[in-house]
Amino acid sequence: MISERPPRLCFLGLLSLFFAAALSAQDGVPPAVAVASAPPLIDETKTIAQQAALTHLGGEKPFILRESSWSGNVDPGKARLIQVQLFKRNDYHFWFAVPDRRAAVNLNLYNGKGELLEAKDFRYETPNVVSLVASPTETGIYYLRISLNTTVEEPQHWSVIYAYR
């Protein structure tokens, strides 16, 4: 059984919205601004990685880009590990980017035993983007190792995205 609001409650609800808007206007804030939310922030570093990925997302055997991503900050000469769950019989393509076009970056994939996995590396026009394609032989936990060479002195914001097929 569906119940409807009595007309009186609807009128009271509209009346309260009107008074809230009037109070906001009295404070010098237009009602539309008072209830609007901030626009979403664009992660420019993630966008750099996505642009590098575009050429690999089409063709006969395209990769499917996942919405999942990782980001953070890394100091020159330092590395970070990212834990990922991978499944055998899938191919995975990872992209790693930082904003400074002078910054050289590295990307490697290790299995749960700490052994470096064989992967095909891709380099781009600038050293601040790198990617790799790997095909794990076992389902399990793997570790991406990202590192920033000392070609720059400032810490860098980084982003890693990935796709599978």
N, C-alpha and C. Protein backbone atom coordinates (compact mmCIF):
# COMPACT_ATOMS: atom_id res chain seq x y z
N MET A 1 0.84 -1.16 0.00
CA MET A 1 0.00 0.00 0.00
C MET A 1 0.90 1.24 0.00
N ILE A 2 0.66 2.14 -0.95
CA ILE A 2 1.46 3.35 -1.07
C ILE A 2 0.71 4.50 -0.43
N SER A 3 1.39 5.20 0.48
CA SER A 3 0.74 6.34 1.12
C SER A 3 1.34 7.61 0.55
N GLU A 4 0.55 8.59 0.36
CA GLU A 4 1.00 9.87 -0.15
C GLU A 4 1.04 10.86 1.00
N ARG A 5 1.89 11.86 0.85
CA ARG A 5 1.93 12.90 1.87
C ARG A 5 0.65 13.72 1.80
N PRO A 6 0.16 14.11 2.93
CA PRO A 6 -0.99 15.01 2.92
C PRO A 6 -0.57 16.35 2.31
N PRO A 7 -1.44 17.02 1.58
CA PRO A 7 -1.11 18.29 0.93
C PRO A 7 -0.53 19.30 1.88
N ARG A 8 -0.95 19.30 3.13
CA ARG A 8 -0.47 20.26 4.10
C ARG A 8 1.04 20.12 4.33
N LEU A 9 1.57 18.84 4.40
CA LEU A 9 2.98 18.62 4.62
C LEU A 9 3.79 19.08 3.41
N CYS A 10 3.29 18.87 2.21
CA CYS A 10 4.00 19.34 1.01
C CYS A 10 4.11 20.86 1.03
N PHE A 11 3.00 21.52 1.40
CA PHE A 11 3.00 22.98 1.45
C PHE A 11 4.00 23.47 2.50
N LEU A 12 4.05 22.81 3.66
CA LEU A 12 4.99 23.21 4.71
C LEU A 12 6.43 23.00 4.27
N GLY A 13 6.69 21.93 3.52
CA GLY A 13 8.03 21.68 3.02
C GLY A 13 8.47 22.77 2.05
N LEU A 14 7.57 23.16 1.14
CA LEU A 14 7.88 24.23 0.20
C LEU A 14 8.08 25.56 0.93
N LEU A 15 7.27 25.79 1.93
CA LEU A 15 7.38 27.03 2.70
C LEU A 15 8.73 27.10 3.42
N SER A 16 9.19 25.98 3.97
CA SER A 16 10.47 25.99 4.68
C SER A 16 11.63 26.22 3.69
N LEU A 17 11.53 25.68 2.49
CA LEU A 17 12.55 25.93 1.47
C LEU A 17 12.59 27.41 1.11
N PHE A 18 11.40 28.02 1.00
CA PHE A 18 11.32 29.44 0.67
C PHE A 18 12.00 30.27 1.76
N PHE A 19 11.73 29.97 3.02
CA PHE A 19 12.34 30.74 4.11
C PHE A 19 13.85 30.52 4.18
N ALA A 20 14.31 29.31 3.89
CA ALA A 20 15.74 29.04 3.89
C ALA A 20 16.42 29.86 2.80
N ALA A 21 15.79 29.94 1.64
CA ALA A 21 16.35 30.74 0.54
C ALA A 21 16.35 32.22 0.91
N ALA A 22 15.28 32.67 1.55
CA ALA A 22 15.19 34.08 1.94
C ALA A 22 16.26 34.42 2.97
N LEU A 23 16.51 33.52 3.92
CA LEU A 23 17.54 33.77 4.93
C LEU A 23 18.93 33.80 4.29
N SER A 24 19.18 32.91 3.33
CA SER A 24 20.47 32.91 2.64
C SER A 24 20.66 34.21 1.88
N ALA A 25 19.59 34.70 1.25
CA ALA A 25 19.67 35.95 0.49
C ALA A 25 19.94 37.13 1.43
N GLN A 26 19.40 37.08 2.66
CA GLN A 26 19.63 38.15 3.61
C GLN A 26 21.10 38.21 4.02
N ASP A 27 21.76 37.07 4.05
CA ASP A 27 23.17 37.02 4.41
C ASP A 27 24.07 37.47 3.27
N GLY A 28 23.48 37.82 2.14
CA GLY A 28 24.27 38.25 1.00
C GLY A 28 24.76 37.09 0.14
N VAL A 29 24.31 35.87 0.43
CA VAL A 29 24.68 34.71 -0.35
C VAL A 29 23.48 34.26 -1.16
N PRO A 30 23.57 34.28 -2.48
CA PRO A 30 22.44 33.83 -3.29
C PRO A 30 22.11 32.38 -2.98
N PRO A 31 20.81 32.00 -3.01
CA PRO A 31 20.41 30.63 -2.66
C PRO A 31 21.12 29.57 -3.51
N ALA A 32 21.35 29.82 -4.78
CA ALA A 32 22.00 28.82 -5.64
C ALA A 32 23.43 28.55 -5.17
N VAL A 33 24.12 29.57 -4.70
CA VAL A 33 25.49 29.40 -4.23
C VAL A 33 25.50 28.70 -2.88
N ALA A 34 24.51 28.96 -2.05
CA ALA A 34 24.47 28.40 -0.72
C ALA A 34 24.32 26.88 -0.76
N VAL A 35 23.66 26.32 -1.77
CA VAL A 35 23.44 24.88 -1.81
C VAL A 35 24.32 24.18 -2.84
N ALA A 36 25.06 24.93 -3.65
CA ALA A 36 25.89 24.30 -4.67
C ALA A 36 27.11 23.64 -4.03
N SER A 37 27.55 22.55 -4.63
CA SER A 37 28.75 21.89 -4.12
C SER A 37 29.93 22.25 -5.02
N ALA A 38 31.12 22.04 -4.50
CA ALA A 38 32.33 22.36 -5.26
C ALA A 38 32.48 21.38 -6.42
N PRO A 39 33.03 21.84 -7.55
CA PRO A 39 33.24 20.93 -8.67
C PRO A 39 34.32 19.90 -8.31
N PRO A 40 34.25 18.72 -8.90
CA PRO A 40 35.26 17.71 -8.59
C PRO A 40 36.63 18.15 -9.07
N LEU A 41 37.66 17.77 -8.32
CA LEU A 41 39.02 18.10 -8.69
C LEU A 41 39.53 17.12 -9.74
N ILE A 42 40.29 17.63 -10.69
CA ILE A 42 40.87 16.79 -11.72
C ILE A 42 42.30 16.47 -11.33
N ASP A 43 42.63 15.20 -11.31
CA ASP A 43 43.99 14.77 -11.01
C ASP A 43 44.78 14.82 -12.31
N GLU A 44 45.57 15.88 -12.47
CA GLU A 44 46.31 16.08 -13.71
C GLU A 44 47.32 14.97 -13.97
N THR A 45 47.89 14.41 -12.92
CA THR A 45 48.86 13.33 -13.08
C THR A 45 48.16 12.07 -13.61
N LYS A 46 46.97 11.79 -13.12
CA LYS A 46 46.20 10.65 -13.62
C LYS A 46 45.85 10.87 -15.09
N THR A 47 45.56 12.10 -15.46
CA THR A 47 45.25 12.43 -16.84
C THR A 47 46.44 12.15 -17.76
N ILE A 48 47.65 12.44 -17.29
CA ILE A 48 48.86 12.15 -18.07
C ILE A 48 48.95 10.64 -18.33
N ALA A 49 48.71 9.84 -17.31
CA ALA A 49 48.75 8.38 -17.46
C ALA A 49 47.65 7.90 -18.41
N GLN A 50 46.46 8.48 -18.29
CA GLN A 50 45.36 8.08 -19.16
C GLN A 50 45.65 8.41 -20.62
N GLN A 51 46.29 9.56 -20.87
CA GLN A 51 46.65 9.91 -22.25
C GLN A 51 47.63 8.90 -22.83
N ALA A 52 48.57 8.45 -22.02
CA ALA A 52 49.52 7.43 -22.48
C ALA A 52 48.81 6.11 -22.77
N ALA A 53 47.74 5.82 -22.04
CA ALA A 53 47.02 4.56 -22.18
C ALA A 53 46.16 4.51 -23.44
N LEU A 54 45.77 5.64 -23.97
CA LEU A 54 44.81 5.68 -25.07
C LEU A 54 45.18 4.78 -26.25
N THR A 55 46.43 4.75 -26.64
CA THR A 55 46.82 3.96 -27.81
C THR A 55 46.70 2.46 -27.57
N HIS A 56 46.63 2.04 -26.33
CA HIS A 56 46.56 0.61 -26.01
C HIS A 56 45.14 0.13 -25.73
N LEU A 57 44.16 1.02 -25.82
CA LEU A 57 42.79 0.66 -25.48
C LEU A 57 41.93 0.36 -26.70
N GLY A 58 42.54 0.28 -27.87
CA GLY A 58 41.81 -0.02 -29.10
C GLY A 58 42.49 -1.15 -29.84
N GLY A 59 42.03 -1.41 -31.05
CA GLY A 59 42.64 -2.44 -31.88
C GLY A 59 41.97 -3.79 -31.73
N GLU A 60 42.66 -4.82 -32.20
CA GLU A 60 42.10 -6.18 -32.19
C GLU A 60 41.99 -6.77 -30.79
N LYS A 61 43.01 -6.54 -29.97
CA LYS A 61 43.01 -7.07 -28.60
C LYS A 61 43.14 -5.91 -27.61
N PRO A 62 42.08 -5.13 -27.46
CA PRO A 62 42.18 -3.93 -26.61
C PRO A 62 42.21 -4.29 -25.13
N PHE A 63 42.88 -3.44 -24.38
CA PHE A 63 42.83 -3.52 -22.93
C PHE A 63 41.60 -2.76 -22.46
N ILE A 64 41.04 -3.18 -21.34
CA ILE A 64 39.89 -2.52 -20.73
C ILE A 64 40.40 -1.75 -19.52
N LEU A 65 40.30 -0.44 -19.58
CA LEU A 65 40.80 0.42 -18.51
C LEU A 65 39.92 0.30 -17.28
N ARG A 66 40.53 0.07 -16.14
CA ARG A 66 39.81 0.00 -14.87
C ARG A 66 39.67 1.39 -14.27
N GLU A 67 38.65 1.60 -13.49
CA GLU A 67 38.48 2.89 -12.81
C GLU A 67 39.39 3.01 -11.61
N SER A 68 39.86 1.89 -11.09
CA SER A 68 40.76 1.91 -9.94
C SER A 68 42.07 2.58 -10.32
N SER A 69 42.62 3.31 -9.37
CA SER A 69 43.93 3.93 -9.58
C SER A 69 44.55 4.15 -8.21
N TRP A 70 45.83 4.44 -8.23
CA TRP A 70 46.56 4.74 -7.00
C TRP A 70 47.31 6.03 -7.21
N SER A 71 47.53 6.77 -6.14
CA SER A 71 48.31 8.01 -6.25
C SER A 71 48.91 8.35 -4.90
N GLY A 72 49.85 9.27 -4.92
CA GLY A 72 50.52 9.70 -3.70
C GLY A 72 51.69 10.58 -4.06
N ASN A 73 52.65 10.66 -3.17
CA ASN A 73 53.86 11.44 -3.40
C ASN A 73 55.07 10.54 -3.20
N VAL A 74 56.12 10.82 -3.98
CA VAL A 74 57.36 10.05 -3.87
C VAL A 74 58.53 11.01 -3.97
N ASP A 75 59.52 10.77 -3.14
CA ASP A 75 60.74 11.59 -3.14
C ASP A 75 61.73 11.08 -4.17
N PRO A 76 62.57 11.96 -4.71
CA PRO A 76 63.62 11.51 -5.65
C PRO A 76 64.52 10.46 -4.99
N GLY A 77 64.82 9.42 -5.75
CA GLY A 77 65.66 8.34 -5.24
C GLY A 77 64.92 7.34 -4.38
N LYS A 78 63.63 7.52 -4.19
CA LYS A 78 62.84 6.62 -3.34
C LYS A 78 61.88 5.80 -4.18
N ALA A 79 61.32 4.76 -3.55
CA ALA A 79 60.38 3.87 -4.23
C ALA A 79 59.17 3.62 -3.33
N ARG A 80 58.09 3.19 -3.95
CA ARG A 80 56.86 2.80 -3.25
C ARG A 80 56.41 1.46 -3.79
N LEU A 81 55.71 0.69 -2.95
CA LEU A 81 55.12 -0.57 -3.39
C LEU A 81 53.59 -0.45 -3.37
N ILE A 82 52.97 -1.01 -4.40
CA ILE A 82 51.51 -1.04 -4.50
C ILE A 82 51.11 -2.50 -4.59
N GLN A 83 50.28 -2.96 -3.65
CA GLN A 83 49.82 -4.35 -3.66
C GLN A 83 48.63 -4.48 -4.60
N VAL A 84 48.68 -5.49 -5.50
CA VAL A 84 47.59 -5.71 -6.45
C VAL A 84 47.24 -7.20 -6.49
N GLN A 85 45.98 -7.48 -6.72
CA GLN A 85 45.51 -8.86 -6.90
C GLN A 85 45.41 -9.10 -8.40
N LEU A 86 46.15 -10.09 -8.91
CA LEU A 86 46.12 -10.41 -10.33
C LEU A 86 45.68 -11.85 -10.53
N PHE A 87 45.11 -12.13 -11.70
CA PHE A 87 44.59 -13.45 -12.00
C PHE A 87 45.30 -14.03 -13.21
N LYS A 88 45.64 -15.33 -13.12
CA LYS A 88 46.29 -15.99 -14.24
C LYS A 88 45.36 -15.96 -15.45
N ARG A 89 45.93 -16.09 -16.62
CA ARG A 89 45.25 -16.05 -17.91
C ARG A 89 44.79 -14.64 -18.31
N ASN A 90 45.09 -13.64 -17.51
CA ASN A 90 44.81 -12.25 -17.90
C ASN A 90 46.11 -11.54 -18.22
N ASP A 91 46.04 -10.57 -19.11
CA ASP A 91 47.16 -9.67 -19.36
C ASP A 91 46.82 -8.37 -18.65
N TYR A 92 47.81 -7.77 -18.02
CA TYR A 92 47.62 -6.51 -17.30
C TYR A 92 48.58 -5.45 -17.84
N HIS A 93 48.06 -4.26 -18.02
CA HIS A 93 48.88 -3.14 -18.48
C HIS A 93 48.79 -2.05 -17.41
N PHE A 94 49.94 -1.64 -16.86
CA PHE A 94 50.03 -0.61 -15.84
C PHE A 94 50.73 0.61 -16.41
N TRP A 95 50.25 1.81 -16.05
CA TRP A 95 50.89 3.06 -16.43
C TRP A 95 51.23 3.85 -15.17
N PHE A 96 52.41 4.42 -15.13
CA PHE A 96 52.90 5.20 -14.00
C PHE A 96 53.35 6.56 -14.53
N ALA A 97 52.87 7.64 -13.91
CA ALA A 97 53.20 8.99 -14.39
C ALA A 97 53.41 9.94 -13.22
N VAL A 98 54.29 10.92 -13.45
CA VAL A 98 54.48 12.07 -12.55
C VAL A 98 54.38 13.32 -13.42
N PRO A 99 54.07 14.48 -12.84
CA PRO A 99 53.84 15.67 -13.66
C PRO A 99 55.09 16.32 -14.29
N ASP A 100 56.23 16.26 -13.62
CA ASP A 100 57.43 16.94 -14.11
C ASP A 100 58.02 16.14 -15.28
N ARG A 101 58.03 16.74 -16.46
CA ARG A 101 58.49 16.05 -17.68
C ARG A 101 59.98 15.69 -17.63
N ARG A 102 60.73 16.28 -16.71
CA ARG A 102 62.16 15.96 -16.56
C ARG A 102 62.39 14.76 -15.66
N ALA A 103 61.38 14.37 -14.91
CA ALA A 103 61.53 13.30 -13.91
C ALA A 103 61.52 11.93 -14.58
N ALA A 104 62.56 11.15 -14.35
CA ALA A 104 62.62 9.79 -14.86
C ALA A 104 62.01 8.84 -13.84
N VAL A 105 61.14 7.94 -14.33
CA VAL A 105 60.44 7.02 -13.45
C VAL A 105 60.70 5.58 -13.88
N ASN A 106 60.52 4.66 -12.93
CA ASN A 106 60.66 3.23 -13.18
C ASN A 106 59.46 2.49 -12.64
N LEU A 107 59.11 1.39 -13.29
CA LEU A 107 57.96 0.58 -12.89
C LEU A 107 58.33 -0.89 -13.06
N ASN A 108 58.17 -1.68 -11.98
CA ASN A 108 58.46 -3.11 -12.01
C ASN A 108 57.34 -3.85 -11.29
N LEU A 109 57.20 -5.14 -11.62
CA LEU A 109 56.17 -5.97 -11.00
C LEU A 109 56.83 -7.20 -10.39
N TYR A 110 56.50 -7.47 -9.11
CA TYR A 110 57.06 -8.60 -8.38
C TYR A 110 55.94 -9.52 -7.92
N ASN A 111 56.22 -10.82 -7.84
CA ASN A 111 55.24 -11.75 -7.30
C ASN A 111 55.30 -11.72 -5.77
N GLY A 112 54.47 -12.53 -5.12
CA GLY A 112 54.40 -12.56 -3.67
C GLY A 112 55.67 -13.05 -3.00
N LYS A 113 56.55 -13.71 -3.75
CA LYS A 113 57.83 -14.20 -3.21
C LYS A 113 58.94 -13.17 -3.38
N GLY A 114 58.61 -12.04 -3.99
CA GLY A 114 59.61 -11.00 -4.21
C GLY A 114 60.41 -11.16 -5.48
N GLU A 115 59.97 -12.05 -6.36
CA GLU A 115 60.68 -12.29 -7.62
C GLU A 115 60.15 -11.35 -8.71
N LEU A 116 61.07 -10.76 -9.45
CA LEU A 116 60.71 -9.85 -10.53
C LEU A 116 60.02 -10.63 -11.64
N LEU A 117 58.85 -10.16 -12.06
CA LEU A 117 58.12 -10.81 -13.14
C LEU A 117 58.62 -10.30 -14.49
N GLU A 118 58.63 -11.19 -15.44
CA GLU A 118 58.99 -10.79 -16.80
C GLU A 118 57.84 -9.95 -17.34
N ALA A 119 58.17 -8.79 -17.88
CA ALA A 119 57.15 -7.88 -18.39
C ALA A 119 57.71 -7.10 -19.57
N LYS A 120 56.82 -6.66 -20.43
CA LYS A 120 57.23 -5.83 -21.56
C LYS A 120 57.09 -4.37 -21.14
N ASP A 121 58.20 -3.63 -21.22
CA ASP A 121 58.21 -2.21 -20.84
C ASP A 121 57.88 -1.33 -22.04
N PHE A 122 57.21 -0.22 -21.75
CA PHE A 122 56.94 0.80 -22.77
C PHE A 122 57.45 2.13 -22.24
N ARG A 123 58.21 2.82 -23.08
CA ARG A 123 58.68 4.17 -22.75
C ARG A 123 57.97 5.14 -23.69
N TYR A 124 57.80 6.35 -23.25
CA TYR A 124 57.09 7.36 -24.01
C TYR A 124 58.02 8.53 -24.34
N GLU A 125 57.49 9.56 -24.98
CA GLU A 125 58.30 10.69 -25.43
C GLU A 125 59.08 11.35 -24.30
N THR A 126 58.50 11.40 -23.14
CA THR A 126 59.16 12.01 -21.99
C THR A 126 59.38 10.95 -20.92
N PRO A 127 60.41 11.13 -20.08
CA PRO A 127 60.73 10.08 -19.09
C PRO A 127 59.78 10.04 -17.90
N ASN A 128 58.80 10.96 -17.82
CA ASN A 128 57.91 10.99 -16.66
C ASN A 128 56.73 10.01 -16.77
N VAL A 129 56.68 9.22 -17.84
CA VAL A 129 55.63 8.21 -18.02
C VAL A 129 56.28 6.91 -18.46
N VAL A 130 55.83 5.83 -17.86
CA VAL A 130 56.31 4.50 -18.23
C VAL A 130 55.16 3.52 -18.03
N SER A 131 55.19 2.42 -18.76
CA SER A 131 54.17 1.40 -18.55
C SER A 131 54.78 0.02 -18.75
N LEU A 132 54.04 -0.99 -18.32
CA LEU A 132 54.47 -2.37 -18.52
C LEU A 132 53.26 -3.25 -18.71
N VAL A 133 53.48 -4.35 -19.45
CA VAL A 133 52.45 -5.36 -19.66
C VAL A 133 52.98 -6.67 -19.10
N ALA A 134 52.17 -7.31 -18.26
CA ALA A 134 52.56 -8.58 -17.64
C ALA A 134 51.41 -9.57 -17.73
N SER A 135 51.77 -10.85 -17.78
CA SER A 135 50.79 -11.94 -17.82
C SER A 135 51.13 -12.93 -16.72
N PRO A 136 50.55 -12.76 -15.53
CA PRO A 136 50.91 -13.65 -14.42
C PRO A 136 50.52 -15.10 -14.70
N THR A 137 51.37 -16.01 -14.28
CA THR A 137 51.11 -17.45 -14.46
C THR A 137 50.31 -18.04 -13.30
N GLU A 138 50.20 -17.28 -12.21
CA GLU A 138 49.44 -17.72 -11.04
C GLU A 138 48.56 -16.59 -10.55
N THR A 139 47.40 -16.94 -10.03
CA THR A 139 46.54 -15.96 -9.37
C THR A 139 47.13 -15.67 -8.00
N GLY A 140 47.17 -14.41 -7.62
CA GLY A 140 47.71 -14.09 -6.31
C GLY A 140 48.00 -12.62 -6.13
N ILE A 141 48.70 -12.34 -5.04
CA ILE A 141 49.08 -10.98 -4.68
C ILE A 141 50.41 -10.67 -5.36
N TYR A 142 50.46 -9.50 -5.99
CA TYR A 142 51.67 -9.02 -6.66
C TYR A 142 51.95 -7.62 -6.16
N TYR A 143 53.15 -7.14 -6.45
CA TYR A 143 53.56 -5.82 -5.99
C TYR A 143 54.15 -5.01 -7.14
N LEU A 144 53.55 -3.85 -7.39
CA LEU A 144 54.13 -2.90 -8.32
C LEU A 144 55.14 -2.07 -7.55
N ARG A 145 56.31 -1.92 -8.09
CA ARG A 145 57.31 -1.05 -7.47
C ARG A 145 57.49 0.15 -8.37
N ILE A 146 57.16 1.32 -7.84
CA ILE A 146 57.35 2.56 -8.58
C ILE A 146 58.51 3.30 -7.94
N SER A 147 59.32 3.93 -8.77
CA SER A 147 60.44 4.71 -8.21
C SER A 147 60.69 5.94 -9.05
N LEU A 148 61.25 6.94 -8.39
CA LEU A 148 61.57 8.22 -9.01
C LEU A 148 63.08 8.38 -8.97
N ASN A 149 63.68 8.53 -10.15
CA ASN A 149 65.13 8.75 -10.22
C ASN A 149 65.47 10.14 -9.69
N THR A 150 66.73 10.38 -9.45
CA THR A 150 67.17 11.67 -8.91
C THR A 150 67.42 12.70 -10.01
N THR A 151 66.67 12.61 -11.10
CA THR A 151 66.79 13.59 -12.18
C THR A 151 66.11 14.91 -11.81
N VAL A 152 65.30 14.88 -10.78
CA VAL A 152 64.67 16.10 -10.23
C VAL A 152 64.93 16.12 -8.74
N GLU A 153 64.82 17.31 -8.15
CA GLU A 153 65.08 17.44 -6.71
C GLU A 153 63.81 17.46 -5.86
N GLU A 154 62.68 17.81 -6.48
CA GLU A 154 61.44 17.96 -5.73
C GLU A 154 60.65 16.65 -5.67
N PRO A 155 59.97 16.39 -4.55
CA PRO A 155 59.06 15.25 -4.50
C PRO A 155 57.99 15.40 -5.59
N GLN A 156 57.49 14.30 -6.08
CA GLN A 156 56.51 14.32 -7.17
C GLN A 156 55.23 13.63 -6.75
N HIS A 157 54.11 14.23 -7.17
CA HIS A 157 52.82 13.55 -7.06
C HIS A 157 52.81 12.48 -8.16
N TRP A 158 52.35 11.29 -7.87
CA TRP A 158 52.35 10.23 -8.87
C TRP A 158 50.97 9.62 -8.99
N SER A 159 50.75 8.94 -10.10
CA SER A 159 49.50 8.23 -10.34
C SER A 159 49.79 6.95 -11.11
N VAL A 160 49.12 5.87 -10.75
CA VAL A 160 49.20 4.60 -11.45
C VAL A 160 47.78 4.18 -11.82
N ILE A 161 47.60 3.84 -13.10
CA ILE A 161 46.33 3.31 -13.57
C ILE A 161 46.62 1.95 -14.21
N TYR A 162 45.56 1.17 -14.46
CA TYR A 162 45.79 -0.12 -15.10
C TYR A 162 44.59 -0.59 -15.90
N ALA A 163 44.88 -1.55 -16.78
CA ALA A 163 43.86 -2.15 -17.64
C ALA A 163 44.13 -3.65 -17.72
N TYR A 164 43.17 -4.39 -18.19
CA TYR A 164 43.33 -5.84 -18.32
C TYR A 164 42.68 -6.32 -19.62
N ARG A 165 43.00 -7.51 -20.01
CA ARG A 165 42.28 -8.19 -21.11
C ARG A 165 42.40 -9.69 -20.92
